[in-house]
Amino acid sequence: MLHTENDRIAYHDGRPDLQKGRIEEVRDEGPHAVYRVRNEETNEIQVITQGQID
C-alpha cells in the first residue's frame, strides 16, 4: 500500500513496541519509498523506509 502525506501509520524503529506517527513527507515514491514521520508519542521526527511500516 502506498502512503501519502498526513497518513497515520504504525511502524517499527528498533524499539520493542510498535510506534505510531503521521507522515510529514514522502520521498522516492514506490516500493523503495522513504518517509519522514513525526512520532505521536515522543514528537520526534524519524526517517523510515517502506519496509518498516506495519
PDB file of N, CA and C in Angstrom:
ATOM      1  N   MET A   1       0.851  -1.185   0.000  1.00  0.00           N
ATOM      2  CA  MET A   1       0.000   0.000   0.000  1.00  0.00           C
ATOM      3  C   MET A   1       0.892   1.242   0.000  1.00  0.00           C
ATOM      4  N   LEU A   2       0.573   2.184  -0.858  1.00  0.00           N
ATOM      5  CA  LEU A   2       1.314   3.430  -0.904  1.00  0.00           C
ATOM      6  C   LEU A   2       0.724   4.409   0.099  1.00  0.00           C
ATOM      7  N   HIS A   3       1.583   5.087   0.787  1.00  0.00           N
ATOM      8  CA  HIS A   3       1.155   6.053   1.789  1.00  0.00           C
ATOM      9  C   HIS A   3       1.448   7.461   1.291  1.00  0.00           C
ATOM     10  N   THR A   4       0.666   8.419   1.756  1.00  0.00           N
ATOM     11  CA  THR A   4       0.839   9.810   1.358  1.00  0.00           C
ATOM     12  C   THR A   4       0.997  10.680   2.603  1.00  0.00           C
ATOM     13  N   GLU A   5       1.330  11.946   2.375  1.00  0.00           N
ATOM     14  CA  GLU A   5       1.494  12.876   3.488  1.00  0.00           C
ATOM     15  C   GLU A   5       0.219  12.925   4.329  1.00  0.00           C
ATOM     16  N   ASN A   6       0.399  13.056   5.619  1.00  0.00           N
ATOM     17  CA  ASN A   6      -0.661  13.137   6.627  1.00  0.00           C
ATOM     18  C   ASN A   6      -1.316  11.804   6.959  1.00  0.00           C
ATOM     19  N   ASP A   7      -0.882  10.709   6.330  1.00  0.00           N
ATOM     20  CA  ASP A   7      -1.392   9.394   6.718  1.00  0.00           C
ATOM     21  C   ASP A   7      -0.872   9.044   8.106  1.00  0.00           C
ATOM     22  N   ARG A   8      -1.727   8.436   8.915  1.00  0.00           N
ATOM     23  CA  ARG A   8      -1.294   7.914  10.215  1.00  0.00           C
ATOM     24  C   ARG A   8      -0.865   6.477   9.992  1.00  0.00           C
ATOM     25  N   ILE A   9       0.307   6.104  10.535  1.00  0.00           N
ATOM     26  CA  ILE A   9       0.850   4.769  10.320  1.00  0.00           C
ATOM     27  C   ILE A   9       1.377   4.187  11.623  1.00  0.00           C
ATOM     28  N   ALA A  10       1.545   2.879  11.623  1.00  0.00           N
ATOM     29  CA  ALA A  10       2.242   2.164  12.696  1.00  0.00           C
ATOM     30  C   ALA A  10       3.514   1.621  12.054  1.00  0.00           C
ATOM     31  N   TYR A  11       4.633   1.718  12.782  1.00  0.00           N
ATOM     32  CA  TYR A  11       5.908   1.323  12.188  1.00  0.00           C
ATOM     33  C   TYR A  11       6.877   0.799  13.244  1.00  0.00           C
ATOM     34  N   HIS A  12       7.902   0.105  12.770  1.00  0.00           N
ATOM     35  CA  HIS A  12       8.963  -0.444  13.616  1.00  0.00           C
ATOM     36  C   HIS A  12      10.198   0.428  13.456  1.00  0.00           C
ATOM     37  N   ASP A  13      10.847   0.767  14.582  1.00  0.00           N
ATOM     38  CA  ASP A  13      12.058   1.584  14.502  1.00  0.00           C
ATOM     39  C   ASP A  13      13.190   1.035  15.358  1.00  0.00           C
ATOM     40  N   GLY A  14      13.094  -0.213  15.751  1.00  0.00           N
ATOM     41  CA  GLY A  14      14.139  -0.821  16.573  1.00  0.00           C
ATOM     42  C   GLY A  14      13.770  -0.917  18.046  1.00  0.00           C
ATOM     43  N   ARG A  15      12.781  -0.166  18.473  1.00  0.00           N
ATOM     44  CA  ARG A  15      12.301  -0.269  19.854  1.00  0.00           C
ATOM     45  C   ARG A  15      11.364  -1.467  19.964  1.00  0.00           C
ATOM     46  N   PRO A  16      11.204  -2.003  21.165  1.00  0.00           N
ATOM     47  CA  PRO A  16      10.375  -3.206  21.318  1.00  0.00           C
ATOM     48  C   PRO A  16       8.915  -2.997  20.903  1.00  0.00           C
ATOM     49  N   ASP A  17       8.364  -1.837  21.173  1.00  0.00           N
ATOM     50  CA  ASP A  17       6.953  -1.596  20.873  1.00  0.00           C
ATOM     51  C   ASP A  17       6.768  -0.993  19.486  1.00  0.00           C
ATOM     52  N   LEU A  18       5.614  -1.259  18.909  1.00  0.00           N
ATOM     53  CA  LEU A  18       5.234  -0.666  17.635  1.00  0.00           C
ATOM     54  C   LEU A  18       5.013   0.829  17.846  1.00  0.00           C
ATOM     55  N   GLN A  19       5.534   1.654  16.971  1.00  0.00           N
ATOM     56  CA  GLN A  19       5.404   3.098  17.081  1.00  0.00           C
ATOM     57  C   GLN A  19       4.266   3.585  16.188  1.00  0.00           C
ATOM     58  N   LYS A  20       3.698   4.729  16.516  1.00  0.00           N
ATOM     59  CA  LYS A  20       2.638   5.331  15.710  1.00  0.00           C
ATOM     60  C   LYS A  20       3.037   6.751  15.380  1.00  0.00           C
ATOM     61  N   GLY A  21       2.690   7.181  14.182  1.00  0.00           N
ATOM     62  CA  GLY A  21       3.049   8.529  13.786  1.00  0.00           C
ATOM     63  C   GLY A  21       2.300   8.974  12.545  1.00  0.00           C
ATOM     64  N   ARG A  22       2.614  10.195  12.125  1.00  0.00           N
ATOM     65  CA  ARG A  22       1.978  10.788  10.942  1.00  0.00           C
ATOM     66  C   ARG A  22       3.069  11.135   9.930  1.00  0.00           C
ATOM     67  N   ILE A  23       2.842  10.762   8.684  1.00  0.00           N
ATOM     68  CA  ILE A  23       3.810  11.037   7.622  1.00  0.00           C
ATOM     69  C   ILE A  23       3.817  12.527   7.316  1.00  0.00           C
ATOM     70  N   GLU A  24       4.998  13.139   7.341  1.00  0.00           N
ATOM     71  CA  GLU A  24       5.146  14.554   7.005  1.00  0.00           C
ATOM     72  C   GLU A  24       5.670  14.749   5.597  1.00  0.00           C
ATOM     73  N   GLU A  25       6.425  13.772   5.081  1.00  0.00           N
ATOM     74  CA  GLU A  25       6.997  13.905   3.744  1.00  0.00           C
ATOM     75  C   GLU A  25       7.254  12.519   3.162  1.00  0.00           C
ATOM     76  N   VAL A  26       7.013  12.375   1.855  1.00  0.00           N
ATOM     77  CA  VAL A  26       7.281  11.128   1.147  1.00  0.00           C
ATOM     78  C   VAL A  26       8.371  11.407   0.126  1.00  0.00           C
ATOM     79  N   ARG A  27       9.407  10.560   0.135  1.00  0.00           N
ATOM     80  CA  ARG A  27      10.489  10.679  -0.853  1.00  0.00           C
ATOM     81  C   ARG A  27      10.604   9.366  -1.605  1.00  0.00           C
ATOM     82  N   ASP A  28      10.966   9.429  -2.857  1.00  0.00           N
ATOM     83  CA  ASP A  28      11.182   8.230  -3.676  1.00  0.00           C
ATOM     84  C   ASP A  28       9.965   7.309  -3.626  1.00  0.00           C
ATOM     85  N   GLU A  29       8.833   7.801  -4.067  1.00  0.00           N
ATOM     86  CA  GLU A  29       7.608   7.002  -4.030  1.00  0.00           C
ATOM     87  C   GLU A  29       7.803   5.672  -4.744  1.00  0.00           C
ATOM     88  N   GLY A  30       7.095   4.666  -4.300  1.00  0.00           N
ATOM     89  CA  GLY A  30       7.176   3.347  -4.899  1.00  0.00           C
ATOM     90  C   GLY A  30       7.626   2.318  -3.884  1.00  0.00           C
ATOM     91  N   PRO A  31       8.124   1.173  -4.360  1.00  0.00           N
ATOM     92  CA  PRO A  31       8.482   0.089  -3.440  1.00  0.00           C
ATOM     93  C   PRO A  31       9.663   0.420  -2.530  1.00  0.00           C
ATOM     94  N   HIS A  32      10.458   1.414  -2.875  1.00  0.00           N
ATOM     95  CA  HIS A  32      11.609   1.792  -2.049  1.00  0.00           C
ATOM     96  C   HIS A  32      11.401   3.178  -1.436  1.00  0.00           C
ATOM     97  N   ALA A  33      10.171   3.490  -1.103  1.00  0.00           N
ATOM     98  CA  ALA A  33       9.835   4.808  -0.574  1.00  0.00           C
ATOM     99  C   ALA A  33      10.502   5.059   0.767  1.00  0.00           C
ATOM    100  N   VAL A  34      10.778   6.327   1.010  1.00  0.00           N
ATOM    101  CA  VAL A  34      11.346   6.782   2.276  1.00  0.00           C
ATOM    102  C   VAL A  34      10.389   7.828   2.827  1.00  0.00           C
ATOM    103  N   TYR A  35      10.097   7.756   4.120  1.00  0.00           N
ATOM    104  CA  TYR A  35       9.125   8.645   4.746  1.00  0.00           C
ATOM    105  C   TYR A  35       9.742   9.401   5.913  1.00  0.00           C
ATOM    106  N   ARG A  36       9.376  10.663   6.035  1.00  0.00           N
ATOM    107  CA  ARG A  36       9.709  11.427   7.243  1.00  0.00           C
ATOM    108  C   ARG A  36       8.448  11.419   8.091  1.00  0.00           C
ATOM    109  N   VAL A  37       8.561  10.869   9.306  1.00  0.00           N
ATOM    110  CA  VAL A  37       7.404  10.624  10.169  1.00  0.00           C
ATOM    111  C   VAL A  37       7.589  11.346  11.493  1.00  0.00           C
ATOM    112  N   ARG A  38       6.518  11.960  11.997  1.00  0.00           N
ATOM    113  CA  ARG A  38       6.531  12.542  13.342  1.00  0.00           C
ATOM    114  C   ARG A  38       5.870  11.550  14.284  1.00  0.00           C
ATOM    115  N   ASN A  39       6.638  11.082  15.266  1.00  0.00           N
ATOM    116  CA  ASN A  39       6.157  10.120  16.243  1.00  0.00           C
ATOM    117  C   ASN A  39       5.095  10.780  17.121  1.00  0.00           C
ATOM    118  N   GLU A  40       3.932  10.135  17.255  1.00  0.00           N
ATOM    119  CA  GLU A  40       2.826  10.706  18.038  1.00  0.00           C
ATOM    120  C   GLU A  40       3.146  10.821  19.523  1.00  0.00           C
ATOM    121  N   GLU A  41       3.894   9.872  20.049  1.00  0.00           N
ATOM    122  CA  GLU A  41       4.143   9.837  21.489  1.00  0.00           C
ATOM    123  C   GLU A  41       5.296  10.757  21.907  1.00  0.00           C
ATOM    124  N   THR A  42       6.395  10.729  21.150  1.00  0.00           N
ATOM    125  CA  THR A  42       7.591  11.483  21.538  1.00  0.00           C
ATOM    126  C   THR A  42       7.742  12.804  20.792  1.00  0.00           C
ATOM    127  N   ASN A  43       6.966  12.994  19.720  1.00  0.00           N
ATOM    128  CA  ASN A  43       7.004  14.183  18.879  1.00  0.00           C
ATOM    129  C   ASN A  43       8.317  14.309  18.096  1.00  0.00           C
ATOM    130  N   GLU A  44       9.141  13.260  18.087  1.00  0.00           N
ATOM    131  CA  GLU A  44      10.388  13.309  17.336  1.00  0.00           C
ATOM    132  C   GLU A  44      10.134  12.985  15.865  1.00  0.00           C
ATOM    133  N   ILE A  45      11.009  13.476  15.002  1.00  0.00           N
ATOM    134  CA  ILE A  45      10.928  13.177  13.582  1.00  0.00           C
ATOM    135  C   ILE A  45      11.873  12.026  13.290  1.00  0.00           C
ATOM    136  N   GLN A  46      11.373  11.046  12.549  1.00  0.00           N
ATOM    137  CA  GLN A  46      12.171   9.888  12.173  1.00  0.00           C
ATOM    138  C   GLN A  46      12.054   9.679  10.670  1.00  0.00           C
ATOM    139  N   VAL A  47      13.109   9.153  10.074  1.00  0.00           N
ATOM    140  CA  VAL A  47      13.086   8.780   8.662  1.00  0.00           C
ATOM    141  C   VAL A  47      13.052   7.262   8.616  1.00  0.00           C
ATOM    142  N   ILE A  48      12.012   6.735   7.951  1.00  0.00           N
ATOM    143  CA  ILE A  48      11.843   5.286   7.871  1.00  0.00           C
ATOM    144  C   ILE A  48      11.646   4.877   6.422  1.00  0.00           C
ATOM    145  N   THR A  49      11.775   3.584   6.170  1.00  0.00           N
ATOM    146  CA  THR A  49      11.571   3.044   4.828  1.00  0.00           C
ATOM    147  C   THR A  49      10.228   2.325   4.753  1.00  0.00           C
ATOM    148  N   GLN A  50       9.822   1.996   3.551  1.00  0.00           N
ATOM    149  CA  GLN A  50       8.568   1.302   3.312  1.00  0.00           C
ATOM    150  C   GLN A  50       8.512  -0.003   4.111  1.00  0.00           C
ATOM    151  N   GLY A  51       9.642  -0.694   4.217  1.00  0.00           N
ATOM    152  CA  GLY A  51       9.681  -1.975   4.904  1.00  0.00           C
ATOM    153  C   GLY A  51       9.451  -1.905   6.405  1.00  0.00           C
ATOM    154  N   GLN A  52       9.559  -0.728   6.997  1.00  0.00           N
ATOM    155  CA  GLN A  52       9.357  -0.592   8.431  1.00  0.00           C
ATOM    156  C   GLN A  52       7.903  -0.344   8.809  1.00  0.00           C
ATOM    157  N   ILE A  53       7.070  -0.070   7.833  1.00  0.00           N
ATOM    158  CA  ILE A  53       5.654   0.192   8.102  1.00  0.00           C
ATOM    159  C   ILE A  53       4.913  -1.108   8.290  1.00  0.00           C
ATOM    160  N   ASP A  54       4.114  -1.189   9.338  1.00  0.00           N
ATOM    161  CA  ASP A  54       3.372  -2.398   9.658  1.00  0.00           C
ATOM    162  C   ASP A  54       2.032  -2.390   8.971  1.00  0.00           C
TER     163      ASP A  54
END
